[in-house]
Amino acid sequence: MNRLECQVTSCQHYCDNRCCLPGIQVDGPAARESSQTCCDSYEERRQGSGQNSSNRAPSVDSSIECSAEHCTYNKNCKCEAECVCVGCCCGDVCSKGGTECCTFRPE
């Protein structure tokens, strides 16, 4: 399990700098830097919806699947970083392409 922090306030699963999903998928198989990754689990918050769509409390621990083959923390498509931060690579995030794994470190 990883400690997961999230800074993407426009995500349906965001709550208090945490993610309410039990696990996420980080995408970016050819990524050579963090801006080339994204949180594939991102869902844009819909107007009128509650704080998060999963109705789960935010958790400190999460399972992180990862397709970023060139990240030093990726071992057999699982992230082995102790703490992972998902952030924004642009101002207004409205799609998963505006997110990034800030913890990504090239091999």
PDB file of N, CA and C in Angstrom:
ATOM      1  N   MET A   1       0.840  -1.186   0.000  1.00  0.00           N
ATOM      2  CA  MET A   1       0.000   0.000   0.000  1.00  0.00           C
ATOM      3  C   MET A   1       0.885   1.250   0.000  1.00  0.00           C
ATOM      4  N   ASN A   2       0.368   2.286  -0.602  1.00  0.00           N
ATOM      5  CA  ASN A   2       1.074   3.562  -0.697  1.00  0.00           C
ATOM      6  C   ASN A   2       0.280   4.627   0.061  1.00  0.00           C
ATOM      7  N   ARG A   3       0.975   5.607   0.577  1.00  0.00           N
ATOM      8  CA  ARG A   3       0.293   6.786   1.102  1.00  0.00           C
ATOM      9  C   ARG A   3       0.015   7.676  -0.102  1.00  0.00           C
ATOM     10  N   LEU A   4      -1.235   8.005  -0.335  1.00  0.00           N
ATOM     11  CA  LEU A   4      -1.636   8.769  -1.518  1.00  0.00           C
ATOM     12  C   LEU A   4      -2.164  10.135  -1.115  1.00  0.00           C
ATOM     13  N   GLU A   5      -1.548  11.172  -1.674  1.00  0.00           N
ATOM     14  CA  GLU A   5      -2.023  12.537  -1.501  1.00  0.00           C
ATOM     15  C   GLU A   5      -2.523  13.014  -2.855  1.00  0.00           C
ATOM     16  N   CYS A   6      -3.586  13.802  -2.848  1.00  0.00           N
ATOM     17  CA  CYS A   6      -4.156  14.294  -4.100  1.00  0.00           C
ATOM     18  C   CYS A   6      -4.400  15.793  -4.001  1.00  0.00           C
ATOM     19  N   GLN A   7      -4.004  16.507  -5.051  1.00  0.00           N
ATOM     20  CA  GLN A   7      -4.193  17.955  -5.110  1.00  0.00           C
ATOM     21  C   GLN A   7      -5.208  18.346  -6.190  1.00  0.00           C
ATOM     22  N   VAL A   8      -5.875  17.366  -6.787  1.00  0.00           N
ATOM     23  CA  VAL A   8      -6.778  17.624  -7.912  1.00  0.00           C
ATOM     24  C   VAL A   8      -8.203  17.814  -7.387  1.00  0.00           C
ATOM     25  N   THR A   9      -8.504  19.046  -7.007  1.00  0.00           N
ATOM     26  CA  THR A   9      -9.789  19.347  -6.371  1.00  0.00           C
ATOM     27  C   THR A   9     -10.987  19.186  -7.302  1.00  0.00           C
ATOM     28  N   SER A  10     -10.763  19.158  -8.614  1.00  0.00           N
ATOM     29  CA  SER A  10     -11.874  19.013  -9.560  1.00  0.00           C
ATOM     30  C   SER A  10     -12.258  17.554  -9.789  1.00  0.00           C
ATOM     31  N   CYS A  11     -11.578  16.624  -9.121  1.00  0.00           N
ATOM     32  CA  CYS A  11     -11.879  15.203  -9.298  1.00  0.00           C
ATOM     33  C   CYS A  11     -13.048  14.785  -8.408  1.00  0.00           C
ATOM     34  N   GLN A  12     -13.898  13.954  -8.945  1.00  0.00           N
ATOM     35  CA  GLN A  12     -15.060  13.444  -8.224  1.00  0.00           C
ATOM     36  C   GLN A  12     -14.655  12.660  -6.973  1.00  0.00           C
ATOM     37  N   HIS A  13     -13.439  12.118  -6.931  1.00  0.00           N
ATOM     38  CA  HIS A  13     -12.998  11.277  -5.819  1.00  0.00           C
ATOM     39  C   HIS A  13     -12.167  12.035  -4.781  1.00  0.00           C
ATOM     40  N   TYR A  14     -11.940  13.327  -5.016  1.00  0.00           N
ATOM     41  CA  TYR A  14     -11.123  14.162  -4.119  1.00  0.00           C
ATOM     42  C   TYR A  14     -11.887  14.510  -2.842  1.00  0.00           C
ATOM     43  N   CYS A  15     -11.169  14.461  -1.710  1.00  0.00           N
ATOM     44  CA  CYS A  15     -11.736  14.920  -0.445  1.00  0.00           C
ATOM     45  C   CYS A  15     -10.582  15.192   0.523  1.00  0.00           C
ATOM     46  N   ASP A  16     -10.404  16.431   0.914  1.00  0.00           N
ATOM     47  CA  ASP A  16      -9.401  16.805   1.926  1.00  0.00           C
ATOM     48  C   ASP A  16      -7.987  16.319   1.598  1.00  0.00           C
ATOM     49  N   ASN A  17      -7.531  16.594   0.392  1.00  0.00           N
ATOM     50  CA  ASN A  17      -6.190  16.218  -0.073  1.00  0.00           C
ATOM     51  C   ASN A  17      -5.957  14.708  -0.106  1.00  0.00           C
ATOM     52  N   ARG A  18      -7.012  13.964  -0.227  1.00  0.00           N
ATOM     53  CA  ARG A  18      -6.948  12.504  -0.308  1.00  0.00           C
ATOM     54  C   ARG A  18      -7.857  12.023  -1.429  1.00  0.00           C
ATOM     55  N   CYS A  19      -7.731  10.753  -1.733  1.00  0.00           N
ATOM     56  CA  CYS A  19      -8.592  10.117  -2.730  1.00  0.00           C
ATOM     57  C   CYS A  19      -9.508   9.139  -2.007  1.00  0.00           C
ATOM     58  N   CYS A  20     -10.756   9.094  -2.418  1.00  0.00           N
ATOM     59  CA  CYS A  20     -11.725   8.209  -1.776  1.00  0.00           C
ATOM     60  C   CYS A  20     -11.803   6.837  -2.448  1.00  0.00           C
ATOM     61  N   LEU A  21     -11.004   6.611  -3.480  1.00  0.00           N
ATOM     62  CA  LEU A  21     -10.961   5.296  -4.097  1.00  0.00           C
ATOM     63  C   LEU A  21      -9.983   4.403  -3.332  1.00  0.00           C
ATOM     64  N   PRO A  22     -10.211   3.110  -3.304  1.00  0.00           N
ATOM     65  CA  PRO A  22      -9.269   2.212  -2.622  1.00  0.00           C
ATOM     66  C   PRO A  22      -7.963   2.031  -3.392  1.00  0.00           C
ATOM     67  N   GLY A  23      -7.968   2.417  -4.657  1.00  0.00           N
ATOM     68  CA  GLY A  23      -6.775   2.319  -5.485  1.00  0.00           C
ATOM     69  C   GLY A  23      -6.950   3.149  -6.743  1.00  0.00           C
ATOM     70  N   ILE A  24      -5.830   3.543  -7.348  1.00  0.00           N
ATOM     71  CA  ILE A  24      -5.874   4.322  -8.581  1.00  0.00           C
ATOM     72  C   ILE A  24      -4.963   3.701  -9.626  1.00  0.00           C
ATOM     73  N   GLN A  25      -5.126   4.168 -10.862  1.00  0.00           N
ATOM     74  CA  GLN A  25      -4.279   3.759 -11.981  1.00  0.00           C
ATOM     75  C   GLN A  25      -3.534   4.988 -12.489  1.00  0.00           C
ATOM     76  N   VAL A  26      -2.207   4.921 -12.493  1.00  0.00           N
ATOM     77  CA  VAL A  26      -1.388   5.977 -13.090  1.00  0.00           C
ATOM     78  C   VAL A  26      -1.015   5.501 -14.488  1.00  0.00           C
ATOM     79  N   ASP A  27      -1.206   6.368 -15.477  1.00  0.00           N
ATOM     80  CA  ASP A  27      -0.951   6.017 -16.869  1.00  0.00           C
ATOM     81  C   ASP A  27       0.221   6.845 -17.405  1.00  0.00           C
ATOM     82  N   GLY A  28       0.858   6.348 -18.434  1.00  0.00           N
ATOM     83  CA  GLY A  28       1.983   7.041 -19.066  1.00  0.00           C
ATOM     84  C   GLY A  28       3.093   6.082 -19.420  1.00  0.00           C
ATOM     85  N   PRO A  29       2.803   5.052 -20.222  1.00  0.00           N
ATOM     86  CA  PRO A  29       3.801   4.013 -20.504  1.00  0.00           C
ATOM     87  C   PRO A  29       5.110   4.534 -21.093  1.00  0.00           C
ATOM     88  N   ALA A  30       5.071   5.610 -21.862  1.00  0.00           N
ATOM     89  CA  ALA A  30       6.291   6.137 -22.483  1.00  0.00           C
ATOM     90  C   ALA A  30       6.832   7.367 -21.746  1.00  0.00           C
ATOM     91  N   ALA A  31       6.255   7.693 -20.598  1.00  0.00           N
ATOM     92  CA  ALA A  31       6.621   8.909 -19.863  1.00  0.00           C
ATOM     93  C   ALA A  31       8.095   8.940 -19.490  1.00  0.00           C
ATOM     94  N   ARG A  32       8.691  10.106 -19.687  1.00  0.00           N
ATOM     95  CA  ARG A  32      10.080  10.356 -19.273  1.00  0.00           C
ATOM     96  C   ARG A  32      10.147  11.467 -18.230  1.00  0.00           C
ATOM     97  N   GLU A  33       8.971  12.087 -17.939  1.00  0.00           N
ATOM     98  CA  GLU A  33       8.864  13.109 -16.896  1.00  0.00           C
ATOM     99  C   GLU A  33       7.433  13.103 -16.377  1.00  0.00           C
ATOM    100  N   SER A  34       7.228  13.684 -15.204  1.00  0.00           N
ATOM    101  CA  SER A  34       5.924  13.606 -14.543  1.00  0.00           C
ATOM    102  C   SER A  34       4.780  14.184 -15.368  1.00  0.00           C
ATOM    103  N   SER A  35       5.043  15.231 -16.143  1.00  0.00           N
ATOM    104  CA  SER A  35       3.967  15.844 -16.941  1.00  0.00           C
ATOM    105  C   SER A  35       3.458  14.922 -18.050  1.00  0.00           C
ATOM    106  N   GLN A  36       4.155  13.837 -18.295  1.00  0.00           N
ATOM    107  CA  GLN A  36       3.722  12.870 -19.313  1.00  0.00           C
ATOM    108  C   GLN A  36       2.945  11.701 -18.697  1.00  0.00           C
ATOM    109  N   THR A  37       2.650  11.808 -17.402  1.00  0.00           N
ATOM    110  CA  THR A  37       1.830  10.809 -16.719  1.00  0.00           C
ATOM    111  C   THR A  37       0.463  11.410 -16.438  1.00  0.00           C
ATOM    112  N   CYS A  38      -0.479  10.584 -16.028  1.00  0.00           N
ATOM    113  CA  CYS A  38      -1.785  11.089 -15.611  1.00  0.00           C
ATOM    114  C   CYS A  38      -2.443  10.082 -14.677  1.00  0.00           C
ATOM    115  N   CYS A  39      -3.410  10.555 -13.923  1.00  0.00           N
ATOM    116  CA  CYS A  39      -4.223   9.679 -13.089  1.00  0.00           C
ATOM    117  C   CYS A  39      -5.381   9.198 -13.950  1.00  0.00           C
ATOM    118  N   ASP A  40      -5.315   7.949 -14.356  1.00  0.00           N
ATOM    119  CA  ASP A  40      -6.343   7.377 -15.227  1.00  0.00           C
ATOM    120  C   ASP A  40      -7.661   7.179 -14.479  1.00  0.00           C
ATOM    121  N   SER A  41      -7.638   7.296 -13.164  1.00  0.00           N
ATOM    122  CA  SER A  41      -8.845   7.130 -12.341  1.00  0.00           C
ATOM    123  C   SER A  41      -9.604   8.443 -12.158  1.00  0.00           C
ATOM    124  N   TYR A  42      -9.062   9.541 -12.693  1.00  0.00           N
ATOM    125  CA  TYR A  42      -9.694  10.859 -12.565  1.00  0.00           C
ATOM    126  C   TYR A  42     -11.084  10.859 -13.201  1.00  0.00           C
ATOM    127  N   GLU A  43     -12.042  11.446 -12.502  1.00  0.00           N
ATOM    128  CA  GLU A  43     -13.377  11.718 -13.038  1.00  0.00           C
ATOM    129  C   GLU A  43     -13.726  13.148 -12.659  1.00  0.00           C
ATOM    130  N   GLU A  44     -14.147  13.919 -13.637  1.00  0.00           N
ATOM    131  CA  GLU A  44     -14.492  15.309 -13.351  1.00  0.00           C
ATOM    132  C   GLU A  44     -15.697  15.364 -12.415  1.00  0.00           C
ATOM    133  N   ARG A  45     -15.605  16.230 -11.415  1.00  0.00           N
ATOM    134  CA  ARG A  45     -16.716  16.418 -10.485  1.00  0.00           C
ATOM    135  C   ARG A  45     -17.899  17.015 -11.241  1.00  0.00           C
ATOM    136  N   ARG A  46     -19.033  16.387 -11.083  1.00  0.00           N
ATOM    137  CA  ARG A  46     -20.242  16.851 -11.751  1.00  0.00           C
ATOM    138  C   ARG A  46     -20.979  17.839 -10.859  1.00  0.00           C
ATOM    139  N   GLN A  47     -21.490  18.883 -11.470  1.00  0.00           N
ATOM    140  CA  GLN A  47     -22.217  19.898 -10.720  1.00  0.00           C
ATOM    141  C   GLN A  47     -23.413  19.258 -10.016  1.00  0.00           C
ATOM    142  N   GLY A  48     -23.597  19.610  -8.758  1.00  0.00           N
ATOM    143  CA  GLY A  48     -24.715  19.091  -7.983  1.00  0.00           C
ATOM    144  C   GLY A  48     -24.423  17.750  -7.319  1.00  0.00           C
ATOM    145  N   SER A  49     -23.262  17.160  -7.603  1.00  0.00           N
ATOM    146  CA  SER A  49     -22.933  15.886  -6.963  1.00  0.00           C
ATOM    147  C   SER A  49     -22.318  16.155  -5.599  1.00  0.00           C
ATOM    148  N   GLY A  50     -22.263  15.163  -4.796  1.00  0.00           N
ATOM    149  CA  GLY A  50     -21.689  15.286  -3.458  1.00  0.00           C
ATOM    150  C   GLY A  50     -20.186  15.460  -3.510  1.00  0.00           C
ATOM    151  N   GLN A  51     -19.567  15.394  -2.361  1.00  0.00           N
ATOM    152  CA  GLN A  51     -18.121  15.587  -2.258  1.00  0.00           C
ATOM    153  C   GLN A  51     -17.349  14.559  -3.068  1.00  0.00           C
ATOM    154  N   ASN A  52     -17.794  13.300  -3.053  1.00  0.00           N
ATOM    155  CA  ASN A  52     -17.142  12.279  -3.861  1.00  0.00           C
ATOM    156  C   ASN A  52     -18.170  11.247  -4.280  1.00  0.00           C
ATOM    157  N   SER A  53     -17.953  10.627  -5.414  1.00  0.00           N
ATOM    158  CA  SER A  53     -18.943   9.714  -5.981  1.00  0.00           C
ATOM    159  C   SER A  53     -18.919   8.342  -5.346  1.00  0.00           C
ATOM    160  N   SER A  54     -17.866   7.986  -4.672  1.00  0.00           N
ATOM    161  CA  SER A  54     -17.759   6.634  -4.146  1.00  0.00           C
ATOM    162  C   SER A  54     -18.409   6.482  -2.774  1.00  0.00           C
ATOM    163  N   ASN A  55     -18.798   7.599  -2.166  1.00  0.00           N
ATOM    164  CA  ASN A  55     -19.381   7.583  -0.826  1.00  0.00           C
ATOM    165  C   ASN A  55     -18.480   6.892   0.186  1.00  0.00           C
ATOM    166  N   ARG A  56     -17.194   6.914  -0.067  1.00  0.00           N
ATOM    167  CA  ARG A  56     -16.199   6.341   0.831  1.00  0.00           C
ATOM    168  C   ARG A  56     -15.455   7.486   1.505  1.00  0.00           C
ATOM    169  N   ALA A  57     -14.996   7.229   2.698  1.00  0.00           N
ATOM    170  CA  ALA A  57     -14.163   8.219   3.384  1.00  0.00           C
ATOM    171  C   ALA A  57     -12.783   8.210   2.738  1.00  0.00           C
ATOM    172  N   PRO A  58     -12.131   9.361   2.666  1.00  0.00           N
ATOM    173  CA  PRO A  58     -10.781   9.380   2.100  1.00  0.00           C
ATOM    174  C   PRO A  58      -9.842   8.529   2.949  1.00  0.00           C
ATOM    175  N   SER A  59      -8.949   7.848   2.291  1.00  0.00           N
ATOM    176  CA  SER A  59      -8.015   6.961   2.975  1.00  0.00           C
ATOM    177  C   SER A  59      -6.591   7.452   2.787  1.00  0.00           C
ATOM    178  N   VAL A  60      -5.768   7.203   3.770  1.00  0.00           N
ATOM    179  CA  VAL A  60      -4.356   7.540   3.664  1.00  0.00           C
ATOM    180  C   VAL A  60      -3.658   6.501   2.788  1.00  0.00           C
ATOM    181  N   ASP A  61      -4.065   5.244   2.906  1.00  0.00           N
ATOM    182  CA  ASP A  61      -3.428   4.161   2.162  1.00  0.00           C
ATOM    183  C   ASP A  61      -4.213   3.805   0.912  1.00  0.00           C
ATOM    184  N   SER A  62      -3.474   3.520  -0.145  1.00  0.00           N
ATOM    185  CA  SER A  62      -4.097   3.200  -1.426  1.00  0.00           C
ATOM    186  C   SER A  62      -3.205   2.233  -2.194  1.00  0.00           C
ATOM    187  N   SER A  63      -3.811   1.495  -3.079  1.00  0.00           N
ATOM    188  CA  SER A  63      -3.064   0.625  -3.982  1.00  0.00           C
ATOM    189  C   SER A  63      -2.916   1.378  -5.305  1.00  0.00           C
ATOM    190  N   ILE A  64      -1.704   1.434  -5.838  1.00  0.00           N
ATOM    191  CA  ILE A  64      -1.482   2.208  -7.054  1.00  0.00           C
ATOM    192  C   ILE A  64      -0.907   1.323  -8.154  1.00  0.00           C
ATOM    193  N   GLU A  65      -1.726   1.109  -9.183  1.00  0.00           N
ATOM    194  CA  GLU A  65      -1.286   0.421 -10.386  1.00  0.00           C
ATOM    195  C   GLU A  65      -0.608   1.474 -11.259  1.00  0.00           C
ATOM    196  N   CYS A  66       0.447   1.104 -11.975  1.00  0.00           N
ATOM    197  CA  CYS A  66       1.186   2.101 -12.735  1.00  0.00           C
ATOM    198  C   CYS A  66       1.693   1.524 -14.054  1.00  0.00           C
ATOM    199  N   SER A  67       1.460   2.259 -15.131  1.00  0.00           N
ATOM    200  CA  SER A  67       1.958   1.821 -16.444  1.00  0.00           C
ATOM    201  C   SER A  67       3.168   2.640 -16.898  1.00  0.00           C
ATOM    202  N   ALA A  68       3.680   3.533 -16.032  1.00  0.00           N
ATOM    203  CA  ALA A  68       4.845   4.358 -16.385  1.00  0.00           C
ATOM    204  C   ALA A  68       6.106   3.497 -16.311  1.00  0.00           C
ATOM    205  N   GLU A  69       6.439   2.880 -17.417  1.00  0.00           N
ATOM    206  CA  GLU A  69       7.527   1.900 -17.477  1.00  0.00           C
ATOM    207  C   GLU A  69       8.895   2.467 -17.132  1.00  0.00           C
ATOM    208  N   HIS A  70       9.079   3.764 -17.293  1.00  0.00           N
ATOM    209  CA  HIS A  70      10.390   4.361 -17.077  1.00  0.00           C
ATOM    210  C   HIS A  70      10.512   5.057 -15.725  1.00  0.00           C
ATOM    211  N   CYS A  71       9.592   4.774 -14.810  1.00  0.00           N
ATOM    212  CA  CYS A  71       9.657   5.351 -13.465  1.00  0.00           C
ATOM    213  C   CYS A  71      10.407   4.391 -12.550  1.00  0.00           C
ATOM    214  N   THR A  72      11.276   4.939 -11.755  1.00  0.00           N
ATOM    215  CA  THR A  72      12.085   4.126 -10.847  1.00  0.00           C
ATOM    216  C   THR A  72      11.246   3.392  -9.807  1.00  0.00           C
ATOM    217  N   TYR A  73      10.046   3.896  -9.500  1.00  0.00           N
ATOM    218  CA  TYR A  73       9.180   3.273  -8.498  1.00  0.00           C
ATOM    219  C   TYR A  73       8.284   2.175  -9.071  1.00  0.00           C
ATOM    220  N   ASN A  74       8.242   2.027 -10.376  1.00  0.00           N
ATOM    221  CA  ASN A  74       7.371   1.031 -11.003  1.00  0.00           C
ATOM    222  C   ASN A  74       8.044  -0.342 -10.969  1.00  0.00           C
ATOM    223  N   LYS A  75       7.416  -1.266 -10.279  1.00  0.00           N
ATOM    224  CA  LYS A  75       7.890  -2.645 -10.233  1.00  0.00           C
ATOM    225  C   LYS A  75       6.727  -3.551 -10.617  1.00  0.00           C
ATOM    226  N   ASN A  76       6.818  -4.141 -11.806  1.00  0.00           N
ATOM    227  CA  ASN A  76       5.761  -5.040 -12.295  1.00  0.00           C
ATOM    228  C   ASN A  76       4.388  -4.373 -12.289  1.00  0.00           C
ATOM    229  N   CYS A  77       4.342  -3.138 -12.766  1.00  0.00           N
ATOM    230  CA  CYS A  77       3.106  -2.346 -12.900  1.00  0.00           C
ATOM    231  C   CYS A  77       2.454  -1.975 -11.570  1.00  0.00           C
ATOM    232  N   LYS A  78       3.227  -1.976 -10.512  1.00  0.00           N
ATOM    233  CA  LYS A  78       2.779  -1.519  -9.194  1.00  0.00           C
ATOM    234  C   LYS A  78       3.748  -0.438  -8.727  1.00  0.00           C
ATOM    235  N   CYS A  79       3.213   0.596  -8.108  1.00  0.00           N
ATOM    236  CA  CYS A  79       4.062   1.657  -7.581  1.00  0.00           C
ATOM    237  C   CYS A  79       4.609   1.231  -6.225  1.00  0.00           C
ATOM    238  N   GLU A  80       5.918   1.391  -6.053  1.00  0.00           N
ATOM    239  CA  GLU A  80       6.553   1.038  -4.787  1.00  0.00           C
ATOM    240  C   GLU A  80       7.008   2.258  -3.996  1.00  0.00           C
ATOM    241  N   ALA A  81       6.596   3.456  -4.416  1.00  0.00           N
ATOM    242  CA  ALA A  81       6.927   4.655  -3.638  1.00  0.00           C
ATOM    243  C   ALA A  81       6.112   4.646  -2.349  1.00  0.00           C
ATOM    244  N   GLU A  82       6.746   5.046  -1.276  1.00  0.00           N
ATOM    245  CA  GLU A  82       6.061   5.062   0.014  1.00  0.00           C
ATOM    246  C   GLU A  82       4.921   6.084   0.023  1.00  0.00           C
ATOM    247  N   CYS A  83       5.193   7.263  -0.548  1.00  0.00           N
ATOM    248  CA  CYS A  83       4.203   8.332  -0.603  1.00  0.00           C
ATOM    249  C   CYS A  83       4.097   8.824  -2.044  1.00  0.00           C
ATOM    250  N   VAL A  84       2.878   8.916  -2.544  1.00  0.00           N
ATOM    251  CA  VAL A  84       2.636   9.337  -3.917  1.00  0.00           C
ATOM    252  C   VAL A  84       1.725  10.554  -3.899  1.00  0.00           C
ATOM    253  N   CYS A  85       2.058  11.529  -4.733  1.00  0.00           N
ATOM    254  CA  CYS A  85       1.237  12.732  -4.844  1.00  0.00           C
ATOM    255  C   CYS A  85       0.748  12.877  -6.276  1.00  0.00           C
ATOM    256  N   VAL A  86      -0.560  12.997  -6.433  1.00  0.00           N
ATOM    257  CA  VAL A  86      -1.155  13.282  -7.737  1.00  0.00           C
ATOM    258  C   VAL A  86      -1.505  14.758  -7.740  1.00  0.00           C
ATOM    259  N   GLY A  87      -1.068  15.449  -8.779  1.00  0.00           N
ATOM    260  CA  GLY A  87      -1.298  16.887  -8.859  1.00  0.00           C
ATOM    261  C   GLY A  87      -1.799  17.303 -10.221  1.00  0.00           C
ATOM    262  N   CYS A  88      -1.754  18.588 -10.466  1.00  0.00           N
ATOM    263  CA  CYS A  88      -2.245  19.176 -11.708  1.00  0.00           C
ATOM    264  C   CYS A  88      -1.063  19.681 -12.533  1.00  0.00           C
ATOM    265  N   CYS A  89      -1.089  19.416 -13.821  1.00  0.00           N
ATOM    266  CA  CYS A  89      -0.023  19.933 -14.681  1.00  0.00           C
ATOM    267  C   CYS A  89      -0.513  21.134 -15.491  1.00  0.00           C
ATOM    268  N   CYS A  90      -1.754  21.564 -15.225  1.00  0.00           N
ATOM    269  CA  CYS A  90      -2.282  22.762 -15.873  1.00  0.00           C
ATOM    270  C   CYS A  90      -3.251  23.436 -14.904  1.00  0.00           C
ATOM    271  N   GLY A  91      -3.676  24.624 -15.217  1.00  0.00           N
ATOM    272  CA  GLY A  91      -4.535  25.386 -14.324  1.00  0.00           C
ATOM    273  C   GLY A  91      -5.870  24.751 -14.014  1.00  0.00           C
ATOM    274  N   ASP A  92      -6.768  24.710 -14.972  1.00  0.00           N
ATOM    275  CA  ASP A  92      -8.107  24.169 -14.770  1.00  0.00           C
ATOM    276  C   ASP A  92      -8.161  22.734 -15.267  1.00  0.00           C
ATOM    277  N   VAL A  93      -8.204  21.790 -14.354  1.00  0.00           N
ATOM    278  CA  VAL A  93      -8.236  20.383 -14.727  1.00  0.00           C
ATOM    279  C   VAL A  93      -9.676  19.957 -14.950  1.00  0.00           C
ATOM    280  N   CYS A  94      -9.945  19.466 -16.162  1.00  0.00           N
ATOM    281  CA  CYS A  94     -11.292  18.966 -16.471  1.00  0.00           C
ATOM    282  C   CYS A  94     -11.228  17.604 -17.154  1.00  0.00           C
ATOM    283  N   SER A  95     -10.017  17.039 -17.229  1.00  0.00           N
ATOM    284  CA  SER A  95      -9.852  15.696 -17.783  1.00  0.00           C
ATOM    285  C   SER A  95      -8.611  15.070 -17.162  1.00  0.00           C
ATOM    286  N   LYS A  96      -8.487  13.769 -17.307  1.00  0.00           N
ATOM    287  CA  LYS A  96      -7.328  13.091 -16.719  1.00  0.00           C
ATOM    288  C   LYS A  96      -6.021  13.599 -17.306  1.00  0.00           C
ATOM    289  N   GLY A  97      -6.054  14.138 -18.529  1.00  0.00           N
ATOM    290  CA  GLY A  97      -4.855  14.679 -19.160  1.00  0.00           C
ATOM    291  C   GLY A  97      -4.277  15.887 -18.428  1.00  0.00           C
ATOM    292  N   GLY A  98      -5.039  16.494 -17.541  1.00  0.00           N
ATOM    293  CA  GLY A  98      -4.565  17.639 -16.767  1.00  0.00           C
ATOM    294  C   GLY A  98      -3.962  17.243 -15.431  1.00  0.00           C
ATOM    295  N   THR A  99      -3.908  15.939 -15.177  1.00  0.00           N
ATOM    296  CA  THR A  99      -3.334  15.445 -13.927  1.00  0.00           C
ATOM    297  C   THR A  99      -1.942  14.876 -14.176  1.00  0.00           C
ATOM    298  N   GLU A 100      -1.187  14.682 -13.117  1.00  0.00           N
ATOM    299  CA  GLU A 100       0.123  14.054 -13.253  1.00  0.00           C
ATOM    300  C   GLU A 100       0.530  13.410 -11.935  1.00  0.00           C
ATOM    301  N   CYS A 101       1.389  12.421 -12.033  1.00  0.00           N
ATOM    302  CA  CYS A 101       1.989  11.808 -10.848  1.00  0.00           C
ATOM    303  C   CYS A 101       3.229  12.627 -10.515  1.00  0.00           C
ATOM    304  N   CYS A 102       3.135  13.437  -9.477  1.00  0.00           N
ATOM    305  CA  CYS A 102       4.249  14.315  -9.091  1.00  0.00           C
ATOM    306  C   CYS A 102       5.416  13.527  -8.494  1.00  0.00           C
ATOM    307  N   THR A 103       5.187  12.275  -8.163  1.00  0.00           N
ATOM    308  CA  THR A 103       6.207  11.429  -7.559  1.00  0.00           C
ATOM    309  C   THR A 103       7.073  10.746  -8.613  1.00  0.00           C
ATOM    310  N   PHE A 104       6.654  10.769  -9.869  1.00  0.00           N
ATOM    311  CA  PHE A 104       7.407  10.125 -10.954  1.00  0.00           C
ATOM    312  C   PHE A 104       8.879  10.533 -10.925  1.00  0.00           C
ATOM    313  N   ARG A 105       9.749   9.544 -11.000  1.00  0.00           N
ATOM    314  CA  ARG A 105      11.186   9.771 -11.107  1.00  0.00           C
ATOM    315  C   ARG A 105      11.729   8.870 -12.214  1.00  0.00           C
ATOM    316  N   PRO A 106      12.390   9.452 -13.212  1.00  0.00           N
ATOM    317  CA  PRO A 106      12.896   8.629 -14.325  1.00  0.00           C
ATOM    318  C   PRO A 106      13.969   7.673 -13.843  1.00  0.00           C
ATOM    319  N   GLU A 107      14.045   6.535 -14.519  1.00  0.00           N
ATOM    320  CA  GLU A 107      15.077   5.536 -14.197  1.00  0.00           C
ATOM    321  C   GLU A 107      16.450   6.089 -14.472  1.00  0.00           C
TER     322      GLU A 107
END
